[in-house]
């Protein structure tokens, strides 16, 4: 099978994890990474930063797709800008699913989303575009995850939940069955959410409470 050439947008820590999942698929040939101009020539997990972000359109004569490898904790804005930049320039955006992820055939996963190692996604789940489903995250049946969401390492989204656009669900957090979380909300690591959240903000604790 011929491999797809792939350029990665963002050479920070999250990029290391995504590279591992890309390599596991054996479907892509990573041609390099883009980042700020000052980092061109540096390497991330053995791959060179070959181009500054602003110069990516100059490469469009080549046959390649892109995926956003910028992380997301405090805000989704950098990932959104990178994704929208690719769409504006008509550059194909890849969806990455690690070989070790367990995903129901009845799941829909949006463009540009990355599903990393040992994730479990059950039947009837819908995941939006440009999301991060991080290592060992679990999303149970019939839940809906919006666009530009980061479900962090080991987080559990139980059945029939709705996670709004641009949310961050921290490592080890648990979202109880049937809970809805409004767009733009940050749930801290280890928090437990028992009731729906209708006011955006940062929530922490067990049970989770709004702290700002």
C-alpha atoms as a PDB file:
ATOM      1  CA  UNK A   1       0.000   0.000   0.000  1.00  0.00           C
ATOM      2  CA  UNK A   2       1.329   3.414  -0.961  1.00  0.00           C
ATOM      3  CA  UNK A   3       1.847   5.687   2.021  1.00  0.00           C
ATOM      4  CA  UNK A   4       0.444   9.224   2.262  1.00  0.00           C
ATOM      5  CA  UNK A   5       3.002  11.977   2.760  1.00  0.00           C
ATOM      6  CA  UNK A   6       2.230  13.856   5.969  1.00  0.00           C
ATOM      7  CA  UNK A   7       3.399  17.216   7.350  1.00  0.00           C
ATOM      8  CA  UNK A   8       2.868  17.853  11.067  1.00  0.00           C
ATOM      9  CA  UNK A   9       1.855  21.321  12.311  1.00  0.00           C
ATOM     10  CA  UNK A  10       3.519  21.989  15.663  1.00  0.00           C
ATOM     11  CA  UNK A  11       6.716  20.546  17.123  1.00  0.00           C
ATOM     12  CA  UNK A  12       6.001  20.689  20.862  1.00  0.00           C
ATOM     13  CA  UNK A  13       5.495  17.920  23.398  1.00  0.00           C
ATOM     14  CA  UNK A  14       2.175  16.749  21.984  1.00  0.00           C
ATOM     15  CA  UNK A  15       3.867  16.155  18.641  1.00  0.00           C
ATOM     16  CA  UNK A  16       5.952  13.332  20.149  1.00  0.00           C
ATOM     17  CA  UNK A  17       2.811  11.420  21.124  1.00  0.00           C
ATOM     18  CA  UNK A  18       1.106  11.917  17.783  1.00  0.00           C
ATOM     19  CA  UNK A  19       4.208  10.713  15.935  1.00  0.00           C
ATOM     20  CA  UNK A  20       4.017   7.422  17.840  1.00  0.00           C
ATOM     21  CA  UNK A  21       0.411   6.930  16.742  1.00  0.00           C
ATOM     22  CA  UNK A  22       1.123   7.959  13.147  1.00  0.00           C
ATOM     23  CA  UNK A  23       3.947   5.432  12.940  1.00  0.00           C
ATOM     24  CA  UNK A  24       1.710   2.699  14.386  1.00  0.00           C
ATOM     25  CA  UNK A  25      -0.709   2.995  11.461  1.00  0.00           C
ATOM     26  CA  UNK A  26       2.011   2.322   8.855  1.00  0.00           C
ATOM     27  CA  UNK A  27      -0.113   4.430   6.495  1.00  0.00           C
ATOM     28  CA  UNK A  28       1.917   7.649   6.418  1.00  0.00           C
ATOM     29  CA  UNK A  29       5.320   8.917   5.441  1.00  0.00           C
ATOM     30  CA  UNK A  30       6.162  11.835   7.744  1.00  0.00           C
ATOM     31  CA  UNK A  31       7.989  14.321   5.527  1.00  0.00           C
ATOM     32  CA  UNK A  32       8.649  16.775   8.339  1.00  0.00           C
ATOM     33  CA  UNK A  33       7.231  19.247  10.830  1.00  0.00           C
ATOM     34  CA  UNK A  34       6.347  22.936  10.738  1.00  0.00           C
ATOM     35  CA  UNK A  35       6.877  25.339  13.636  1.00  0.00           C
ATOM     36  CA  UNK A  36       8.081  28.888  14.260  1.00  0.00           C
ATOM     37  CA  UNK A  37      10.872  30.055  11.948  1.00  0.00           C
ATOM     38  CA  UNK A  38      13.477  29.988  14.718  1.00  0.00           C
ATOM     39  CA  UNK A  39      13.080  26.213  15.120  1.00  0.00           C
ATOM     40  CA  UNK A  40      13.594  25.229  11.481  1.00  0.00           C
ATOM     41  CA  UNK A  41      16.371  22.631  11.327  1.00  0.00           C
ATOM     42  CA  UNK A  42      15.680  21.206  14.790  1.00  0.00           C
ATOM     43  CA  UNK A  43      14.358  17.647  15.217  1.00  0.00           C
ATOM     44  CA  UNK A  44      11.413  16.101  17.077  1.00  0.00           C
ATOM     45  CA  UNK A  45      11.476  12.323  17.611  1.00  0.00           C
ATOM     46  CA  UNK A  46      13.881  12.038  14.712  1.00  0.00           C
ATOM     47  CA  UNK A  47      11.879  14.185  12.264  1.00  0.00           C
ATOM     48  CA  UNK A  48      13.119  17.557  11.076  1.00  0.00           C
ATOM     49  CA  UNK A  49      11.276  20.864  11.390  1.00  0.00           C
ATOM     50  CA  UNK A  50      11.524  21.703   7.705  1.00  0.00           C
ATOM     51  CA  UNK A  51       9.380  24.792   7.297  1.00  0.00           C
ATOM     52  CA  UNK A  52       8.021  27.788   9.190  1.00  0.00           C
ATOM     53  CA  UNK A  53       4.253  27.738   9.619  1.00  0.00           C
ATOM     54  CA  UNK A  54       3.766  30.821   7.468  1.00  0.00           C
ATOM     55  CA  UNK A  55       5.630  29.213   4.546  1.00  0.00           C
ATOM     56  CA  UNK A  56       3.526  26.031   4.319  1.00  0.00           C
ATOM     57  CA  UNK A  57       1.558  27.309   1.288  1.00  0.00           C
ATOM     58  CA  UNK A  58       4.828  27.386  -0.646  1.00  0.00           C
ATOM     59  CA  UNK A  59       4.911  23.584  -0.336  1.00  0.00           C
ATOM     60  CA  UNK A  60       1.480  22.966  -1.810  1.00  0.00           C
ATOM     61  CA  UNK A  61       2.908  21.904  -5.157  1.00  0.00           C
ATOM     62  CA  UNK A  62       3.929  18.697  -3.363  1.00  0.00           C
ATOM     63  CA  UNK A  63       1.651  15.769  -2.643  1.00  0.00           C
ATOM     64  CA  UNK A  64       1.024  15.777   1.108  1.00  0.00           C
ATOM     65  CA  UNK A  65      -1.611  16.029   3.808  1.00  0.00           C
ATOM     66  CA  UNK A  66      -1.324  17.722   7.217  1.00  0.00           C
ATOM     67  CA  UNK A  67      -2.378  17.071  10.781  1.00  0.00           C
ATOM     68  CA  UNK A  68      -2.346  19.546  13.681  1.00  0.00           C
ATOM     69  CA  UNK A  69       0.109  18.391  16.356  1.00  0.00           C
ATOM     70  CA  UNK A  70      -0.240  21.434  18.623  1.00  0.00           C
ATOM     71  CA  UNK A  71      -1.399  20.515  22.131  1.00  0.00           C
ATOM     72  CA  UNK A  72      -4.429  21.933  23.917  1.00  0.00           C
ATOM     73  CA  UNK A  73      -4.866  22.622  27.639  1.00  0.00           C
ATOM     74  CA  UNK A  74      -5.808  26.185  28.555  1.00  0.00           C
ATOM     75  CA  UNK A  75      -7.308  27.109  25.189  1.00  0.00           C
ATOM     76  CA  UNK A  76      -8.184  25.549  21.853  1.00  0.00           C
ATOM     77  CA  UNK A  77      -7.348  28.727  19.925  1.00  0.00           C
ATOM     78  CA  UNK A  78      -3.908  27.704  18.537  1.00  0.00           C
ATOM     79  CA  UNK A  79      -5.294  24.396  17.251  1.00  0.00           C
ATOM     80  CA  UNK A  80      -8.322  26.100  15.741  1.00  0.00           C
ATOM     81  CA  UNK A  81      -6.149  28.673  13.949  1.00  0.00           C
ATOM     82  CA  UNK A  82      -3.891  25.948  12.568  1.00  0.00           C
ATOM     83  CA  UNK A  83      -6.828  23.857  11.367  1.00  0.00           C
ATOM     84  CA  UNK A  84      -8.585  26.825   9.771  1.00  0.00           C
ATOM     85  CA  UNK A  85      -5.316  27.828   8.080  1.00  0.00           C
ATOM     86  CA  UNK A  86      -5.149  24.404   6.416  1.00  0.00           C
ATOM     87  CA  UNK A  87      -8.767  24.587   5.292  1.00  0.00           C
ATOM     88  CA  UNK A  88      -8.280  28.108   3.912  1.00  0.00           C
ATOM     89  CA  UNK A  89      -5.296  26.922   1.850  1.00  0.00           C
ATOM     90  CA  UNK A  90      -7.146  23.780   0.658  1.00  0.00           C
ATOM     91  CA  UNK A  91      -4.501  21.508   2.174  1.00  0.00           C
ATOM     92  CA  UNK A  92      -5.866  18.014   2.945  1.00  0.00           C
ATOM     93  CA  UNK A  93      -6.219  17.263   6.664  1.00  0.00           C
ATOM     94  CA  UNK A  94      -5.567  13.736   7.932  1.00  0.00           C
ATOM     95  CA  UNK A  95      -7.381  11.889  10.707  1.00  0.00           C
ATOM     96  CA  UNK A  96      -5.058   9.734  12.824  1.00  0.00           C
ATOM     97  CA  UNK A  97      -6.200   6.630  14.720  1.00  0.00           C
ATOM     98  CA  UNK A  98      -3.592   4.627  16.603  1.00  0.00           C
ATOM     99  CA  UNK A  99      -3.414   0.948  15.769  1.00  0.00           C
ATOM    100  CA  UNK A 100      -3.885   0.078  19.454  1.00  0.00           C
ATOM    101  CA  UNK A 101      -7.083   2.108  19.884  1.00  0.00           C
ATOM    102  CA  UNK A 102     -10.310   0.118  20.241  1.00  0.00           C
ATOM    103  CA  UNK A 103     -13.057   1.839  18.277  1.00  0.00           C
ATOM    104  CA  UNK A 104     -16.540   0.652  17.419  1.00  0.00           C
ATOM    105  CA  UNK A 105     -17.418   0.501  13.740  1.00  0.00           C
ATOM    106  CA  UNK A 106     -20.529   2.474  14.737  1.00  0.00           C
ATOM    107  CA  UNK A 107     -18.471   5.501  15.741  1.00  0.00           C
ATOM    108  CA  UNK A 108     -18.032   8.662  13.627  1.00  0.00           C
ATOM    109  CA  UNK A 109     -14.765  10.577  13.945  1.00  0.00           C
ATOM    110  CA  UNK A 110     -14.310  14.013  12.376  1.00  0.00           C
ATOM    111  CA  UNK A 111     -11.571  15.283  10.109  1.00  0.00           C
ATOM    112  CA  UNK A 112      -8.248  16.141  11.715  1.00  0.00           C
ATOM    113  CA  UNK A 113      -8.964  14.346  14.988  1.00  0.00           C
ATOM    114  CA  UNK A 114      -6.176  12.272  16.535  1.00  0.00           C
ATOM    115  CA  UNK A 115      -6.997   9.174  18.598  1.00  0.00           C
ATOM    116  CA  UNK A 116      -3.917   8.063  20.508  1.00  0.00           C
ATOM    117  CA  UNK A 117      -2.762   4.845  22.133  1.00  0.00           C
ATOM    118  CA  UNK A 118      -5.120   2.456  23.924  1.00  0.00           C
ATOM    119  CA  UNK A 119      -8.200   4.666  23.675  1.00  0.00           C
ATOM    120  CA  UNK A 120     -11.597   2.972  23.873  1.00  0.00           C
ATOM    121  CA  UNK A 121     -14.523   4.456  21.951  1.00  0.00           C
ATOM    122  CA  UNK A 122     -17.793   2.559  22.073  1.00  0.00           C
ATOM    123  CA  UNK A 123     -20.820   2.234  19.815  1.00  0.00           C
ATOM    124  CA  UNK A 124     -22.774   5.286  18.673  1.00  0.00           C
ATOM    125  CA  UNK A 125     -20.158   7.864  19.658  1.00  0.00           C
ATOM    126  CA  UNK A 126     -19.753  10.977  17.515  1.00  0.00           C
ATOM    127  CA  UNK A 127     -16.507  12.959  17.688  1.00  0.00           C
ATOM    128  CA  UNK A 128     -16.065  16.294  15.927  1.00  0.00           C
ATOM    129  CA  UNK A 129     -13.206  17.724  13.891  1.00  0.00           C
ATOM    130  CA  UNK A 130      -9.696  18.597  15.071  1.00  0.00           C
ATOM    131  CA  UNK A 131     -10.018  16.879  18.460  1.00  0.00           C
ATOM    132  CA  UNK A 132      -7.429  15.179  20.652  1.00  0.00           C
ATOM    133  CA  UNK A 133      -8.532  11.892  22.186  1.00  0.00           C
ATOM    134  CA  UNK A 134      -5.477  11.237  24.290  1.00  0.00           C
ATOM    135  CA  UNK A 135      -3.885   7.988  25.468  1.00  0.00           C
ATOM    136  CA  UNK A 136      -6.191   5.595  27.352  1.00  0.00           C
ATOM    137  CA  UNK A 137      -9.180   7.935  27.240  1.00  0.00           C
ATOM    138  CA  UNK A 138     -12.554   6.170  27.255  1.00  0.00           C
ATOM    139  CA  UNK A 139     -15.730   7.439  25.585  1.00  0.00           C
ATOM    140  CA  UNK A 140     -18.797   5.320  26.180  1.00  0.00           C
ATOM    141  CA  UNK A 141     -21.833   4.598  24.034  1.00  0.00           C
ATOM    142  CA  UNK A 142     -23.855   7.327  22.283  1.00  0.00           C
ATOM    143  CA  UNK A 143     -21.837  10.237  23.637  1.00  0.00           C
ATOM    144  CA  UNK A 144     -21.213  13.298  21.479  1.00  0.00           C
ATOM    145  CA  UNK A 145     -17.933  15.227  21.487  1.00  0.00           C
ATOM    146  CA  UNK A 146     -17.845  18.589  19.709  1.00  0.00           C
ATOM    147  CA  UNK A 147     -15.148  20.217  17.575  1.00  0.00           C
ATOM    148  CA  UNK A 148     -11.673  21.187  18.859  1.00  0.00           C
ATOM    149  CA  UNK A 149     -12.058  19.212  22.103  1.00  0.00           C
ATOM    150  CA  UNK A 150      -9.236  17.607  24.098  1.00  0.00           C
ATOM    151  CA  UNK A 151     -10.168  14.499  26.077  1.00  0.00           C
ATOM    152  CA  UNK A 152      -6.970  14.033  28.065  1.00  0.00           C
ATOM    153  CA  UNK A 153      -5.098  10.945  29.225  1.00  0.00           C
ATOM    154  CA  UNK A 154      -7.187   8.390  31.071  1.00  0.00           C
ATOM    155  CA  UNK A 155     -10.333  10.530  31.157  1.00  0.00           C
ATOM    156  CA  UNK A 156     -13.683   8.708  31.182  1.00  0.00           C
ATOM    157  CA  UNK A 157     -16.731  10.027  29.335  1.00  0.00           C
ATOM    158  CA  UNK A 158     -19.657   7.808  30.249  1.00  0.00           C
ATOM    159  CA  UNK A 159     -22.654   6.993  28.071  1.00  0.00           C
ATOM    160  CA  UNK A 160     -25.020   9.588  26.575  1.00  0.00           C
ATOM    161  CA  UNK A 161     -22.824  12.568  27.467  1.00  0.00           C
ATOM    162  CA  UNK A 162     -22.499  15.728  25.377  1.00  0.00           C
ATOM    163  CA  UNK A 163     -19.151  17.559  25.413  1.00  0.00           C
ATOM    164  CA  UNK A 164     -19.377  20.994  23.785  1.00  0.00           C
ATOM    165  CA  UNK A 165     -16.940  22.543  21.334  1.00  0.00           C
ATOM    166  CA  UNK A 166     -13.498  23.629  22.583  1.00  0.00           C
ATOM    167  CA  UNK A 167     -13.759  21.852  25.936  1.00  0.00           C
ATOM    168  CA  UNK A 168     -10.813  20.367  27.797  1.00  0.00           C
ATOM    169  CA  UNK A 169     -11.375  17.285  29.952  1.00  0.00           C
ATOM    170  CA  UNK A 170      -8.322  16.765  32.182  1.00  0.00           C
ATOM    171  CA  UNK A 171      -6.393  13.587  32.875  1.00  0.00           C
ATOM    172  CA  UNK A 172      -8.332  11.037  34.904  1.00  0.00           C
ATOM    173  CA  UNK A 173     -11.493  13.131  35.012  1.00  0.00           C
ATOM    174  CA  UNK A 174     -14.807  11.269  35.041  1.00  0.00           C
ATOM    175  CA  UNK A 175     -17.956  12.596  33.393  1.00  0.00           C
ATOM    176  CA  UNK A 176     -21.020  10.804  34.745  1.00  0.00           C
ATOM    177  CA  UNK A 177     -23.644   9.206  32.520  1.00  0.00           C
ATOM    178  CA  UNK A 178     -25.925  11.610  30.652  1.00  0.00           C
ATOM    179  CA  UNK A 179     -24.041  14.792  31.598  1.00  0.00           C
ATOM    180  CA  UNK A 180     -23.791  17.726  29.175  1.00  0.00           C
ATOM    181  CA  UNK A 181     -20.906  20.204  29.337  1.00  0.00           C
ATOM    182  CA  UNK A 182     -21.261  23.586  27.659  1.00  0.00           C
ATOM    183  CA  UNK A 183     -18.700  24.739  25.065  1.00  0.00           C
ATOM    184  CA  UNK A 184     -15.461  26.308  26.255  1.00  0.00           C
ATOM    185  CA  UNK A 185     -15.343  24.550  29.628  1.00  0.00           C
ATOM    186  CA  UNK A 186     -12.178  23.244  31.294  1.00  0.00           C
ATOM    187  CA  UNK A 187     -12.510  20.248  33.617  1.00  0.00           C
ATOM    188  CA  UNK A 188      -9.441  19.804  35.838  1.00  0.00           C
ATOM    189  CA  UNK A 189      -7.475  16.583  36.197  1.00  0.00           C
ATOM    190  CA  UNK A 190      -9.096  14.007  38.453  1.00  0.00           C
ATOM    191  CA  UNK A 191     -12.389  15.875  38.711  1.00  0.00           C
ATOM    192  CA  UNK A 192     -15.737  14.092  38.774  1.00  0.00           C
ATOM    193  CA  UNK A 193     -18.721  15.734  37.081  1.00  0.00           C
ATOM    194  CA  UNK A 194     -22.109  14.423  38.247  1.00  0.00           C
ATOM    195  CA  UNK A 195     -24.430  17.120  36.881  1.00  0.00           C
ATOM    196  CA  UNK A 196     -24.590  19.049  33.634  1.00  0.00           C
ATOM    197  CA  UNK A 197     -22.542  22.251  33.319  1.00  0.00           C
ATOM    198  CA  UNK A 198     -24.351  25.199  31.732  1.00  0.00           C
ATOM    199  CA  UNK A 199     -21.910  28.026  32.571  1.00  0.00           C
ATOM    200  CA  UNK A 200     -18.478  27.999  30.897  1.00  0.00           C
ATOM    201  CA  UNK A 201     -15.477  28.163  33.183  1.00  0.00           C
ATOM    202  CA  UNK A 202     -12.888  26.063  34.986  1.00  0.00           C
ATOM    203  CA  UNK A 203     -14.218  23.260  37.181  1.00  0.00           C
ATOM    204  CA  UNK A 204     -12.247  21.212  39.671  1.00  0.00           C
ATOM    205  CA  UNK A 205     -12.819  18.621  42.395  1.00  0.00           C
ATOM    206  CA  UNK A 206     -15.102  15.754  43.367  1.00  0.00           C
ATOM    207  CA  UNK A 207     -17.801  16.750  42.844  1.00  0.00           C
ATOM    208  CA  UNK A 208     -16.525  19.331  40.346  1.00  0.00           C
ATOM    209  CA  UNK A 209     -17.166  22.962  41.252  1.00  0.00           C
ATOM    210  CA  UNK A 210     -16.543  26.134  39.299  1.00  0.00           C
ATOM    211  CA  UNK A 211     -13.369  27.887  40.482  1.00  0.00           C
ATOM    212  CA  UNK A 212     -13.247  30.648  37.852  1.00  0.00           C
END
